[in-house]
Amino acid sequence: MADDVLLAIDQGTSSTRAIGFSAAGDVVAVGQQSFEQIYPGPGWVEHDAEVIWATVMSTSRRVLQQLGETKRMAAAIGITNQRETTILWDRRSGAPIYNAIVWQDRRTADRCRELARDHDERELSRKTGLRFDPYFSATKIAWILDRVPGAREAAKAGHLAFGTVDSFLIWRLTCGGCTSRTPRMRAARLSTISARAAGTKTCATCSTCR
């Protein structure tokens, strides 16, 4: 319909925007909100995932309010988000078990160098198209599982979920519904999933899935 509007959620590294696009591609409503960057140590960057969620809700409501003033509604929602930022949350409560570790974070650089030294990085690249690098999610997941008390046990029991920001937002928006709406192309960027496809041995090297 001509009055249909797409609500686009642009969840970025330093701010969240919600934008209403008409069927013709025109911007008809906008909301934007910045949020705090957390730096626990040199080279470490984190976000509070609950704050990310709050900014998504507030900017989206702002856009929906603007649409309501012109008697329009959002017919669909689209999400774009900040790169490989990693979130682990409890499936039972939906609560993150640790801050989101941002794509810029370098805390696992030493671990990645160890993995590159002890394993054949060329083989990993051949199978997955990736290399051992803190940018990707696998070593971030392992870092959280190894340092948050009870996290690895909860993961083994099936109580934890992992995702980049888009998956976390879809989980929240659908009240814990299926995150298979995340495009497969996007999922292929996650070294954990790529490693799974390459075989158990590759996945086990980073200790994420052991």
N, C-alpha and C. Protein backbone atom coordinates (compact mmCIF):
# COMPACT_ATOMS: atom_id res chain seq x y z
N MET A 1 0.84 -1.21 0.00
CA MET A 1 0.00 0.00 0.00
C MET A 1 0.87 1.25 0.00
N ALA A 2 0.34 2.33 -0.53
CA ALA A 2 1.12 3.56 -0.64
C ALA A 2 1.50 4.12 0.72
N ASP A 3 0.66 3.88 1.73
CA ASP A 3 0.92 4.43 3.06
C ASP A 3 1.78 3.52 3.93
N ASP A 4 2.16 2.34 3.42
CA ASP A 4 2.99 1.43 4.20
C ASP A 4 4.35 2.06 4.47
N VAL A 5 4.84 1.87 5.68
CA VAL A 5 6.13 2.43 6.07
C VAL A 5 7.01 1.31 6.62
N LEU A 6 8.28 1.30 6.23
CA LEU A 6 9.27 0.38 6.78
C LEU A 6 9.96 1.05 7.95
N LEU A 7 9.93 0.41 9.10
CA LEU A 7 10.67 0.89 10.26
C LEU A 7 12.06 0.26 10.21
N ALA A 8 13.07 1.05 9.91
CA ALA A 8 14.45 0.56 9.84
C ALA A 8 15.16 0.91 11.14
N ILE A 9 15.72 -0.10 11.81
CA ILE A 9 16.48 0.10 13.04
C ILE A 9 17.96 0.00 12.69
N ASP A 10 18.66 1.10 12.85
CA ASP A 10 20.10 1.16 12.56
C ASP A 10 20.83 1.22 13.89
N GLN A 11 21.22 0.04 14.40
CA GLN A 11 21.86 -0.03 15.70
C GLN A 11 23.37 0.03 15.50
N GLY A 12 23.94 1.20 15.71
CA GLY A 12 25.35 1.42 15.44
C GLY A 12 26.24 1.33 16.67
N THR A 13 27.53 1.58 16.47
CA THR A 13 28.51 1.46 17.54
C THR A 13 28.40 2.56 18.57
N SER A 14 27.99 3.75 18.14
CA SER A 14 27.92 4.87 19.09
C SER A 14 26.52 5.43 19.27
N SER A 15 25.58 5.03 18.41
CA SER A 15 24.21 5.51 18.56
C SER A 15 23.24 4.55 17.90
N THR A 16 21.98 4.71 18.22
CA THR A 16 20.91 3.93 17.59
C THR A 16 19.98 4.90 16.87
N ARG A 17 19.64 4.55 15.64
CA ARG A 17 18.67 5.34 14.88
C ARG A 17 17.50 4.47 14.48
N ALA A 18 16.33 5.04 14.48
CA ALA A 18 15.16 4.42 13.89
C ALA A 18 14.67 5.37 12.80
N ILE A 19 14.39 4.80 11.63
CA ILE A 19 14.00 5.62 10.49
C ILE A 19 12.76 5.02 9.84
N GLY A 20 11.79 5.85 9.53
CA GLY A 20 10.62 5.40 8.80
C GLY A 20 10.79 5.73 7.33
N PHE A 21 10.71 4.71 6.47
CA PHE A 21 10.82 4.90 5.02
C PHE A 21 9.47 4.62 4.37
N SER A 22 9.08 5.48 3.48
CA SER A 22 7.86 5.25 2.71
C SER A 22 8.12 4.19 1.65
N ALA A 23 7.04 3.75 1.00
CA ALA A 23 7.18 2.76 -0.06
C ALA A 23 8.02 3.28 -1.21
N ALA A 24 8.10 4.60 -1.35
CA ALA A 24 8.90 5.21 -2.41
C ALA A 24 10.36 5.40 -1.98
N GLY A 25 10.66 5.08 -0.71
CA GLY A 25 12.03 5.22 -0.22
C GLY A 25 12.33 6.55 0.43
N ASP A 26 11.31 7.36 0.64
CA ASP A 26 11.51 8.66 1.28
C ASP A 26 11.53 8.51 2.80
N VAL A 27 12.38 9.30 3.46
CA VAL A 27 12.43 9.31 4.93
C VAL A 27 11.24 10.13 5.43
N VAL A 28 10.41 9.51 6.26
CA VAL A 28 9.21 10.20 6.75
C VAL A 28 9.25 10.41 8.27
N ALA A 29 10.19 9.75 8.95
CA ALA A 29 10.31 9.93 10.41
C ALA A 29 11.67 9.44 10.85
N VAL A 30 12.24 10.09 11.87
CA VAL A 30 13.58 9.73 12.35
C VAL A 30 13.65 9.90 13.87
N GLY A 31 14.35 8.98 14.52
CA GLY A 31 14.69 9.11 15.92
C GLY A 31 16.12 8.63 16.12
N GLN A 32 16.91 9.31 16.93
CA GLN A 32 18.30 8.90 17.15
C GLN A 32 18.69 9.15 18.60
N GLN A 33 19.50 8.24 19.14
CA GLN A 33 19.96 8.38 20.53
C GLN A 33 21.34 7.77 20.66
N SER A 34 22.27 8.50 21.23
CA SER A 34 23.61 7.98 21.48
C SER A 34 23.63 7.24 22.80
N PHE A 35 24.69 6.47 23.05
CA PHE A 35 24.82 5.74 24.31
C PHE A 35 26.28 5.63 24.71
N GLU A 36 26.50 5.24 25.95
CA GLU A 36 27.84 5.24 26.55
C GLU A 36 28.72 4.13 26.00
N GLN A 37 29.99 4.47 25.77
CA GLN A 37 31.02 3.49 25.46
C GLN A 37 31.73 3.13 26.77
N ILE A 38 31.96 1.85 27.00
CA ILE A 38 32.58 1.38 28.25
C ILE A 38 33.97 0.86 27.92
N TYR A 39 34.97 1.37 28.63
CA TYR A 39 36.37 0.97 28.38
C TYR A 39 36.98 0.41 29.67
N PRO A 40 36.80 -0.89 29.93
CA PRO A 40 37.30 -1.47 31.19
C PRO A 40 38.82 -1.55 31.27
N GLY A 41 39.51 -1.51 30.13
CA GLY A 41 40.96 -1.61 30.11
C GLY A 41 41.48 -1.22 28.74
N PRO A 42 42.82 -1.12 28.59
CA PRO A 42 43.40 -0.77 27.30
C PRO A 42 42.99 -1.75 26.20
N GLY A 43 42.43 -1.23 25.13
CA GLY A 43 42.02 -2.07 24.01
C GLY A 43 40.70 -2.81 24.22
N TRP A 44 40.07 -2.58 25.36
CA TRP A 44 38.80 -3.24 25.66
C TRP A 44 37.65 -2.25 25.41
N VAL A 45 36.59 -2.72 24.74
CA VAL A 45 35.43 -1.88 24.48
C VAL A 45 34.17 -2.71 24.72
N GLU A 46 33.27 -2.17 25.54
CA GLU A 46 32.02 -2.87 25.85
C GLU A 46 30.84 -1.92 25.74
N HIS A 47 29.66 -2.52 25.57
CA HIS A 47 28.40 -1.80 25.65
C HIS A 47 27.48 -2.53 26.61
N ASP A 48 26.61 -1.80 27.26
CA ASP A 48 25.56 -2.40 28.07
C ASP A 48 24.43 -2.80 27.13
N ALA A 49 24.20 -4.10 26.97
CA ALA A 49 23.19 -4.57 26.02
C ALA A 49 21.79 -4.10 26.40
N GLU A 50 21.54 -3.90 27.68
CA GLU A 50 20.23 -3.38 28.10
C GLU A 50 20.06 -1.92 27.67
N VAL A 51 21.14 -1.17 27.66
CA VAL A 51 21.09 0.21 27.18
C VAL A 51 20.84 0.22 25.67
N ILE A 52 21.51 -0.69 24.94
CA ILE A 52 21.24 -0.81 23.51
C ILE A 52 19.75 -1.06 23.27
N TRP A 53 19.21 -2.01 24.01
CA TRP A 53 17.79 -2.34 23.88
C TRP A 53 16.91 -1.12 24.18
N ALA A 54 17.25 -0.40 25.23
CA ALA A 54 16.46 0.77 25.62
C ALA A 54 16.49 1.84 24.53
N THR A 55 17.65 2.04 23.89
CA THR A 55 17.73 3.04 22.82
C THR A 55 16.94 2.59 21.58
N VAL A 56 16.92 1.30 21.32
CA VAL A 56 16.11 0.79 20.20
C VAL A 56 14.64 1.05 20.47
N MET A 57 14.21 0.78 21.69
CA MET A 57 12.80 1.00 22.04
C MET A 57 12.43 2.48 21.98
N SER A 58 13.27 3.34 22.53
CA SER A 58 12.92 4.76 22.59
C SER A 58 12.92 5.40 21.21
N THR A 59 13.89 5.07 20.37
CA THR A 59 13.92 5.67 19.03
C THR A 59 12.80 5.11 18.16
N SER A 60 12.50 3.83 18.31
CA SER A 60 11.40 3.24 17.53
C SER A 60 10.06 3.84 17.93
N ARG A 61 9.86 4.02 19.22
CA ARG A 61 8.60 4.63 19.68
C ARG A 61 8.48 6.06 19.18
N ARG A 62 9.61 6.76 19.12
CA ARG A 62 9.58 8.13 18.60
C ARG A 62 9.12 8.15 17.15
N VAL A 63 9.65 7.22 16.36
CA VAL A 63 9.25 7.13 14.95
C VAL A 63 7.79 6.74 14.83
N LEU A 64 7.35 5.76 15.61
CA LEU A 64 5.95 5.33 15.55
C LEU A 64 5.00 6.46 15.95
N GLN A 65 5.44 7.27 16.91
CA GLN A 65 4.62 8.42 17.31
C GLN A 65 4.50 9.42 16.16
N GLN A 66 5.64 9.67 15.48
CA GLN A 66 5.61 10.59 14.33
C GLN A 66 4.70 10.04 13.23
N LEU A 67 4.77 8.73 13.00
CA LEU A 67 3.91 8.12 11.97
C LEU A 67 2.44 8.24 12.35
N GLY A 68 2.16 8.05 13.64
CA GLY A 68 0.78 8.13 14.11
C GLY A 68 0.17 9.50 13.89
N GLU A 69 1.01 10.53 13.95
CA GLU A 69 0.52 11.90 13.74
C GLU A 69 0.04 12.11 12.31
N THR A 70 0.53 11.28 11.38
CA THR A 70 0.09 11.37 9.98
C THR A 70 -0.77 10.17 9.59
N LYS A 71 -1.26 9.48 10.64
CA LYS A 71 -2.13 8.32 10.44
C LYS A 71 -1.48 7.22 9.60
N ARG A 72 -0.16 7.04 9.81
CA ARG A 72 0.56 5.96 9.15
C ARG A 72 0.99 4.93 10.19
N MET A 73 1.29 3.73 9.72
CA MET A 73 1.77 2.66 10.60
C MET A 73 2.96 1.97 9.93
N ALA A 74 3.77 1.31 10.75
CA ALA A 74 4.88 0.52 10.21
C ALA A 74 4.35 -0.83 9.76
N ALA A 75 4.64 -1.18 8.53
CA ALA A 75 4.19 -2.47 7.98
C ALA A 75 5.22 -3.57 8.20
N ALA A 76 6.48 -3.17 8.41
CA ALA A 76 7.55 -4.16 8.60
C ALA A 76 8.71 -3.49 9.30
N ILE A 77 9.60 -4.33 9.85
CA ILE A 77 10.79 -3.84 10.54
C ILE A 77 12.03 -4.45 9.90
N GLY A 78 13.04 -3.64 9.68
CA GLY A 78 14.34 -4.13 9.21
C GLY A 78 15.42 -3.71 10.19
N ILE A 79 16.46 -4.51 10.33
CA ILE A 79 17.54 -4.21 11.29
C ILE A 79 18.89 -4.27 10.60
N THR A 80 19.69 -3.25 10.83
CA THR A 80 21.10 -3.29 10.49
C THR A 80 21.86 -2.97 11.77
N ASN A 81 23.04 -3.52 11.93
CA ASN A 81 23.69 -3.38 13.24
C ASN A 81 25.20 -3.34 13.15
N GLN A 82 25.80 -3.04 14.29
CA GLN A 82 27.24 -2.90 14.40
C GLN A 82 27.96 -4.24 14.32
N ARG A 83 28.51 -4.58 13.27
CA ARG A 83 29.48 -5.63 13.01
C ARG A 83 29.41 -6.84 13.94
N GLU A 84 30.60 -7.27 14.46
CA GLU A 84 30.66 -8.55 15.18
C GLU A 84 30.56 -8.40 16.70
N THR A 85 29.93 -7.37 17.18
CA THR A 85 29.73 -7.21 18.63
C THR A 85 28.98 -8.42 19.18
N THR A 86 29.48 -8.94 20.30
CA THR A 86 29.06 -10.24 20.81
C THR A 86 28.25 -10.12 22.10
N ILE A 87 27.11 -10.80 22.13
CA ILE A 87 26.26 -10.80 23.33
C ILE A 87 25.89 -12.24 23.67
N LEU A 88 26.00 -12.60 24.94
CA LEU A 88 25.49 -13.86 25.46
C LEU A 88 24.38 -13.54 26.45
N TRP A 89 23.25 -14.23 26.31
CA TRP A 89 22.15 -13.98 27.24
C TRP A 89 21.49 -15.27 27.67
N ASP A 90 20.79 -15.20 28.80
CA ASP A 90 20.10 -16.36 29.37
C ASP A 90 18.77 -16.53 28.66
N ARG A 91 18.55 -17.69 28.08
CA ARG A 91 17.31 -17.95 27.35
C ARG A 91 16.08 -17.87 28.27
N ARG A 92 16.28 -18.20 29.54
CA ARG A 92 15.15 -18.26 30.46
C ARG A 92 14.64 -16.87 30.84
N SER A 93 15.56 -15.92 30.98
CA SER A 93 15.17 -14.58 31.42
C SER A 93 15.32 -13.53 30.32
N GLY A 94 16.13 -13.84 29.31
CA GLY A 94 16.42 -12.87 28.26
C GLY A 94 17.47 -11.86 28.67
N ALA A 95 18.06 -12.04 29.87
CA ALA A 95 19.03 -11.07 30.39
C ALA A 95 20.44 -11.40 29.93
N PRO A 96 21.22 -10.43 29.47
CA PRO A 96 22.63 -10.67 29.13
C PRO A 96 23.40 -11.09 30.38
N ILE A 97 24.36 -11.98 30.19
CA ILE A 97 25.15 -12.43 31.34
C ILE A 97 26.42 -11.61 31.50
N TYR A 98 26.72 -10.77 30.52
CA TYR A 98 27.89 -9.89 30.56
C TYR A 98 27.64 -8.76 29.57
N ASN A 99 28.37 -7.69 29.70
CA ASN A 99 28.26 -6.61 28.72
C ASN A 99 28.55 -7.14 27.31
N ALA A 100 28.01 -6.47 26.31
CA ALA A 100 28.35 -6.79 24.92
C ALA A 100 29.81 -6.44 24.69
N ILE A 101 30.57 -7.39 24.14
CA ILE A 101 31.96 -7.11 23.78
C ILE A 101 31.96 -6.60 22.34
N VAL A 102 32.42 -5.38 22.16
CA VAL A 102 32.29 -4.67 20.89
C VAL A 102 33.29 -5.19 19.86
N TRP A 103 32.93 -5.06 18.59
CA TRP A 103 33.76 -5.55 17.49
C TRP A 103 35.17 -4.98 17.52
N GLN A 104 35.34 -3.77 18.09
CA GLN A 104 36.66 -3.13 18.14
C GLN A 104 37.56 -3.73 19.22
N ASP A 105 37.00 -4.48 20.13
CA ASP A 105 37.71 -4.97 21.32
C ASP A 105 38.87 -5.90 20.93
N ARG A 106 40.00 -5.74 21.62
CA ARG A 106 41.20 -6.53 21.31
C ARG A 106 41.65 -7.41 22.48
N ARG A 107 40.80 -7.66 23.44
CA ARG A 107 41.23 -8.39 24.64
C ARG A 107 41.67 -9.82 24.34
N THR A 108 41.21 -10.40 23.27
CA THR A 108 41.58 -11.79 22.96
C THR A 108 42.70 -11.88 21.93
N ALA A 109 43.43 -10.78 21.73
CA ALA A 109 44.51 -10.79 20.73
C ALA A 109 45.57 -11.84 21.06
N ASP A 110 45.96 -11.94 22.33
CA ASP A 110 46.97 -12.93 22.72
C ASP A 110 46.47 -14.34 22.46
N ARG A 111 45.21 -14.58 22.77
CA ARG A 111 44.64 -15.91 22.54
C ARG A 111 44.63 -16.24 21.05
N CYS A 112 44.30 -15.26 20.23
CA CYS A 112 44.30 -15.49 18.78
C CYS A 112 45.71 -15.79 18.27
N ARG A 113 46.72 -15.12 18.84
CA ARG A 113 48.10 -15.41 18.43
C ARG A 113 48.49 -16.82 18.85
N GLU A 114 48.05 -17.24 20.03
CA GLU A 114 48.31 -18.62 20.47
C GLU A 114 47.67 -19.63 19.52
N LEU A 115 46.45 -19.37 19.14
CA LEU A 115 45.74 -20.29 18.24
C LEU A 115 46.42 -20.34 16.88
N ALA A 116 46.86 -19.19 16.39
CA ALA A 116 47.55 -19.15 15.10
C ALA A 116 48.88 -19.88 15.16
N ARG A 117 49.52 -19.83 16.32
CA ARG A 117 50.81 -20.51 16.50
C ARG A 117 50.63 -22.02 16.62
N ASP A 118 49.60 -22.43 17.35
CA ASP A 118 49.43 -23.85 17.67
C ASP A 118 48.60 -24.62 16.64
N HIS A 119 47.90 -23.90 15.76
CA HIS A 119 47.04 -24.56 14.78
C HIS A 119 47.33 -24.00 13.39
N ASP A 120 46.93 -24.70 12.40
CA ASP A 120 47.21 -24.32 11.03
C ASP A 120 46.21 -23.25 10.58
N GLU A 121 46.63 -21.99 10.67
CA GLU A 121 45.72 -20.91 10.30
C GLU A 121 45.37 -20.95 8.82
N ARG A 122 46.29 -21.45 8.00
CA ARG A 122 45.98 -21.55 6.57
C ARG A 122 44.84 -22.52 6.32
N GLU A 123 44.80 -23.59 7.12
CA GLU A 123 43.71 -24.55 6.98
C GLU A 123 42.39 -23.94 7.41
N LEU A 124 42.42 -23.17 8.50
CA LEU A 124 41.22 -22.47 8.95
C LEU A 124 40.72 -21.52 7.86
N SER A 125 41.64 -20.77 7.26
CA SER A 125 41.25 -19.82 6.21
C SER A 125 40.70 -20.54 5.00
N ARG A 126 41.29 -21.70 4.69
CA ARG A 126 40.81 -22.47 3.53
C ARG A 126 39.38 -22.95 3.76
N LYS A 127 39.08 -23.36 4.99
CA LYS A 127 37.77 -23.94 5.29
C LYS A 127 36.70 -22.88 5.55
N THR A 128 37.09 -21.76 6.13
CA THR A 128 36.10 -20.78 6.57
C THR A 128 36.20 -19.42 5.89
N GLY A 129 37.34 -19.13 5.26
CA GLY A 129 37.56 -17.81 4.69
C GLY A 129 37.96 -16.77 5.73
N LEU A 130 38.17 -17.23 6.98
CA LEU A 130 38.50 -16.33 8.09
C LEU A 130 39.86 -16.69 8.65
N ARG A 131 40.34 -15.86 9.57
CA ARG A 131 41.58 -16.15 10.30
C ARG A 131 41.34 -15.91 11.78
N PHE A 132 42.30 -16.30 12.60
CA PHE A 132 42.18 -16.05 14.04
C PHE A 132 42.35 -14.55 14.30
N ASP A 133 41.28 -13.91 14.73
CA ASP A 133 41.35 -12.46 14.97
C ASP A 133 40.31 -12.08 16.01
N PRO A 134 40.66 -11.17 16.94
CA PRO A 134 39.70 -10.77 17.98
C PRO A 134 38.45 -10.11 17.43
N TYR A 135 38.49 -9.65 16.18
CA TYR A 135 37.31 -9.03 15.57
C TYR A 135 36.13 -9.99 15.55
N PHE A 136 36.42 -11.27 15.31
CA PHE A 136 35.35 -12.26 15.18
C PHE A 136 34.87 -12.73 16.56
N SER A 137 33.75 -13.40 16.55
CA SER A 137 33.01 -13.66 17.79
C SER A 137 33.55 -14.81 18.64
N ALA A 138 34.20 -15.79 18.01
CA ALA A 138 34.49 -17.05 18.71
C ALA A 138 35.30 -16.86 19.99
N THR A 139 36.41 -16.12 19.92
CA THR A 139 37.23 -15.96 21.12
C THR A 139 36.57 -15.04 22.14
N LYS A 140 35.70 -14.14 21.69
CA LYS A 140 34.94 -13.31 22.63
C LYS A 140 33.98 -14.19 23.44
N ILE A 141 33.32 -15.12 22.74
CA ILE A 141 32.40 -16.04 23.43
C ILE A 141 33.16 -16.85 24.48
N ALA A 142 34.31 -17.41 24.07
CA ALA A 142 35.11 -18.23 24.99
C ALA A 142 35.55 -17.40 26.20
N TRP A 143 35.92 -16.14 25.97
CA TRP A 143 36.36 -15.27 27.07
C TRP A 143 35.23 -15.11 28.09
N ILE A 144 34.02 -14.87 27.63
CA ILE A 144 32.88 -14.70 28.54
C ILE A 144 32.58 -16.01 29.27
N LEU A 145 32.57 -17.12 28.53
CA LEU A 145 32.25 -18.41 29.14
C LEU A 145 33.26 -18.79 30.22
N ASP A 146 34.51 -18.38 30.03
CA ASP A 146 35.56 -18.75 30.98
C ASP A 146 35.62 -17.82 32.20
N ARG A 147 34.99 -16.65 32.13
CA ARG A 147 35.15 -15.67 33.19
C ARG A 147 33.88 -15.32 33.96
N VAL A 148 32.73 -15.58 33.39
CA VAL A 148 31.48 -15.34 34.12
C VAL A 148 31.14 -16.61 34.89
N PRO A 149 31.06 -16.55 36.21
CA PRO A 149 30.79 -17.75 37.01
C PRO A 149 29.54 -18.49 36.55
N GLY A 150 29.68 -19.78 36.31
CA GLY A 150 28.56 -20.63 35.93
C GLY A 150 28.16 -20.54 34.46
N ALA A 151 28.86 -19.70 33.68
CA ALA A 151 28.44 -19.49 32.29
C ALA A 151 28.61 -20.73 31.43
N ARG A 152 29.78 -21.38 31.56
CA ARG A 152 30.01 -22.55 30.70
C ARG A 152 29.04 -23.68 31.06
N GLU A 153 28.75 -23.86 32.34
CA GLU A 153 27.80 -24.88 32.75
C GLU A 153 26.40 -24.56 32.22
N ALA A 154 26.03 -23.27 32.27
CA ALA A 154 24.72 -22.87 31.76
C ALA A 154 24.64 -23.10 30.25
N ALA A 155 25.75 -22.85 29.55
CA ALA A 155 25.77 -23.07 28.11
C ALA A 155 25.62 -24.56 27.78
N LYS A 156 26.31 -25.40 28.54
CA LYS A 156 26.20 -26.84 28.31
C LYS A 156 24.79 -27.35 28.57
N ALA A 157 24.11 -26.69 29.50
CA ALA A 157 22.73 -27.09 29.82
C ALA A 157 21.72 -26.51 28.83
N GLY A 158 22.20 -25.73 27.87
CA GLY A 158 21.31 -25.17 26.86
C GLY A 158 20.58 -23.91 27.29
N HIS A 159 21.07 -23.28 28.37
CA HIS A 159 20.37 -22.11 28.91
C HIS A 159 20.83 -20.79 28.30
N LEU A 160 21.95 -20.80 27.57
CA LEU A 160 22.47 -19.55 27.02
C LEU A 160 22.26 -19.46 25.52
N ALA A 161 22.10 -18.25 25.06
CA ALA A 161 22.04 -17.98 23.63
C ALA A 161 23.15 -16.98 23.30
N PHE A 162 23.67 -17.08 22.09
CA PHE A 162 24.68 -16.14 21.62
C PHE A 162 24.19 -15.49 20.34
N GLY A 163 24.54 -14.23 20.17
CA GLY A 163 24.25 -13.58 18.91
C GLY A 163 24.98 -12.26 18.80
N THR A 164 25.07 -11.76 17.57
CA THR A 164 25.46 -10.38 17.40
C THR A 164 24.22 -9.54 17.71
N VAL A 165 24.34 -8.24 17.61
CA VAL A 165 23.27 -7.37 18.11
C VAL A 165 21.94 -7.62 17.40
N ASP A 166 21.98 -7.92 16.10
CA ASP A 166 20.72 -8.14 15.38
C ASP A 166 19.95 -9.32 15.96
N SER A 167 20.67 -10.42 16.26
CA SER A 167 20.00 -11.59 16.84
C SER A 167 19.41 -11.28 18.21
N PHE A 168 20.17 -10.54 19.02
CA PHE A 168 19.67 -10.17 20.35
C PHE A 168 18.40 -9.32 20.24
N LEU A 169 18.40 -8.37 19.31
CA LEU A 169 17.22 -7.52 19.14
C LEU A 169 16.03 -8.31 18.64
N ILE A 170 16.25 -9.21 17.69
CA ILE A 170 15.15 -10.04 17.19
C ILE A 170 14.59 -10.91 18.32
N TRP A 171 15.47 -11.47 19.14
CA TRP A 171 15.04 -12.27 20.30
C TRP A 171 14.11 -11.45 21.19
N ARG A 172 14.54 -10.23 21.50
CA ARG A 172 13.73 -9.37 22.36
C ARG A 172 12.43 -8.93 21.67
N LEU A 173 12.51 -8.57 20.41
CA LEU A 173 11.34 -8.09 19.69
C LEU A 173 10.28 -9.17 19.51
N THR A 174 10.73 -10.43 19.47
CA THR A 174 9.79 -11.54 19.28
C THR A 174 9.55 -12.30 20.58
N CYS A 175 9.94 -11.69 21.71
CA CYS A 175 9.75 -12.31 23.04
C CYS A 175 10.37 -13.71 23.09
N GLY A 176 11.58 -13.81 22.58
CA GLY A 176 12.29 -15.08 22.63
C GLY A 176 12.01 -15.98 21.45
N GLY A 177 11.50 -15.39 20.36
CA GLY A 177 11.20 -16.17 19.17
C GLY A 177 12.43 -16.56 18.40
N CYS A 178 12.21 -17.20 17.26
CA CYS A 178 13.29 -17.75 16.45
C CYS A 178 14.17 -16.64 15.89
N THR A 179 15.49 -16.81 15.97
CA THR A 179 16.42 -15.84 15.40
C THR A 179 16.89 -16.28 14.02
N SER A 180 16.19 -17.24 13.40
CA SER A 180 16.57 -17.66 12.06
C SER A 180 16.30 -16.58 11.03
N ARG A 181 15.67 -15.47 11.47
CA ARG A 181 15.44 -14.36 10.56
C ARG A 181 16.74 -13.63 10.24
N THR A 182 17.79 -13.86 11.03
CA THR A 182 19.09 -13.29 10.71
C THR A 182 19.58 -13.91 9.41
N PRO A 183 19.95 -13.10 8.41
CA PRO A 183 20.34 -13.67 7.12
C PRO A 183 21.49 -14.65 7.24
N ARG A 184 21.45 -15.73 6.43
CA ARG A 184 22.50 -16.73 6.47
C ARG A 184 23.84 -16.14 6.09
N MET A 185 23.82 -15.16 5.19
CA MET A 185 25.07 -14.52 4.79
C MET A 185 25.72 -13.86 5.99
N ARG A 186 24.87 -13.25 6.84
CA ARG A 186 25.37 -12.61 8.05
C ARG A 186 25.93 -13.67 9.00
N ALA A 187 25.19 -14.75 9.16
CA ALA A 187 25.63 -15.80 10.07
C ALA A 187 26.96 -16.39 9.63
N ALA A 188 27.19 -16.44 8.34
CA ALA A 188 28.44 -17.02 7.83
C ALA A 188 29.65 -16.20 8.22
N ARG A 189 29.43 -14.94 8.63
CA ARG A 189 30.55 -14.11 9.06
C ARG A 189 31.04 -14.47 10.45
N LEU A 190 30.25 -15.22 11.18
CA LEU A 190 30.63 -15.56 12.55
C LEU A 190 31.58 -16.74 12.52
N SER A 191 32.76 -16.58 13.06
CA SER A 191 33.75 -17.64 12.95
C SER A 191 33.31 -18.90 13.69
N THR A 192 32.45 -18.75 14.68
CA THR A 192 31.97 -19.95 15.38
C THR A 192 31.17 -20.83 14.44
N ILE A 193 30.22 -20.22 13.75
CA ILE A 193 29.36 -20.99 12.85
C ILE A 193 30.18 -21.54 11.69
N SER A 194 31.08 -20.72 11.16
CA SER A 194 31.93 -21.19 10.08
C SER A 194 32.77 -22.38 10.53
N ALA A 195 33.27 -22.30 11.76
CA ALA A 195 34.08 -23.39 12.28
C ALA A 195 33.27 -24.66 12.46
N ARG A 196 32.03 -24.50 12.89
CA ARG A 196 31.14 -25.65 13.01
C ARG A 196 31.00 -26.36 11.65
N ALA A 197 30.81 -25.55 10.61
CA ALA A 197 30.66 -26.12 9.28
C ALA A 197 31.93 -26.80 8.82
N ALA A 198 33.07 -26.28 9.29
CA ALA A 198 34.35 -26.85 8.88
C ALA A 198 34.67 -28.15 9.60
N GLY A 199 34.05 -28.35 10.76
CA GLY A 199 34.29 -29.59 11.50
C GLY A 199 34.55 -29.34 12.96
N THR A 200 34.31 -30.36 13.78
CA THR A 200 34.43 -30.23 15.23
C THR A 200 35.83 -29.85 15.64
N LYS A 201 36.85 -30.39 14.98
CA LYS A 201 38.23 -30.12 15.36
C LYS A 201 38.53 -28.64 15.28
N THR A 202 38.10 -28.00 14.18
CA THR A 202 38.34 -26.57 14.02
C THR A 202 37.63 -25.78 15.09
N CYS A 203 36.38 -26.11 15.37
CA CYS A 203 35.60 -25.39 16.35
C CYS A 203 36.19 -25.52 17.74
N ALA A 204 36.73 -26.68 18.05
CA ALA A 204 37.23 -26.95 19.39
C ALA A 204 38.50 -26.15 19.69
N THR A 205 39.21 -25.69 18.67
CA THR A 205 40.49 -25.03 18.92
C THR A 205 40.33 -23.76 19.75
N CYS A 206 39.21 -23.05 19.60
CA CYS A 206 39.06 -21.78 20.32
C CYS A 206 38.34 -21.98 21.65
N SER A 207 37.96 -23.21 21.97
CA SER A 207 37.33 -23.60 23.24
C SER A 207 35.93 -23.07 23.41
N THR A 208 35.33 -22.51 22.37
CA THR A 208 33.97 -21.97 22.48
C THR A 208 32.96 -23.10 22.71
N CYS A 209 33.12 -24.18 21.97
CA CYS A 209 32.06 -25.21 21.95
C CYS A 209 32.43 -26.48 22.69
N ARG A 210 33.51 -26.43 23.44
CA ARG A 210 33.91 -27.68 24.09
C ARG A 210 32.97 -28.02 25.24
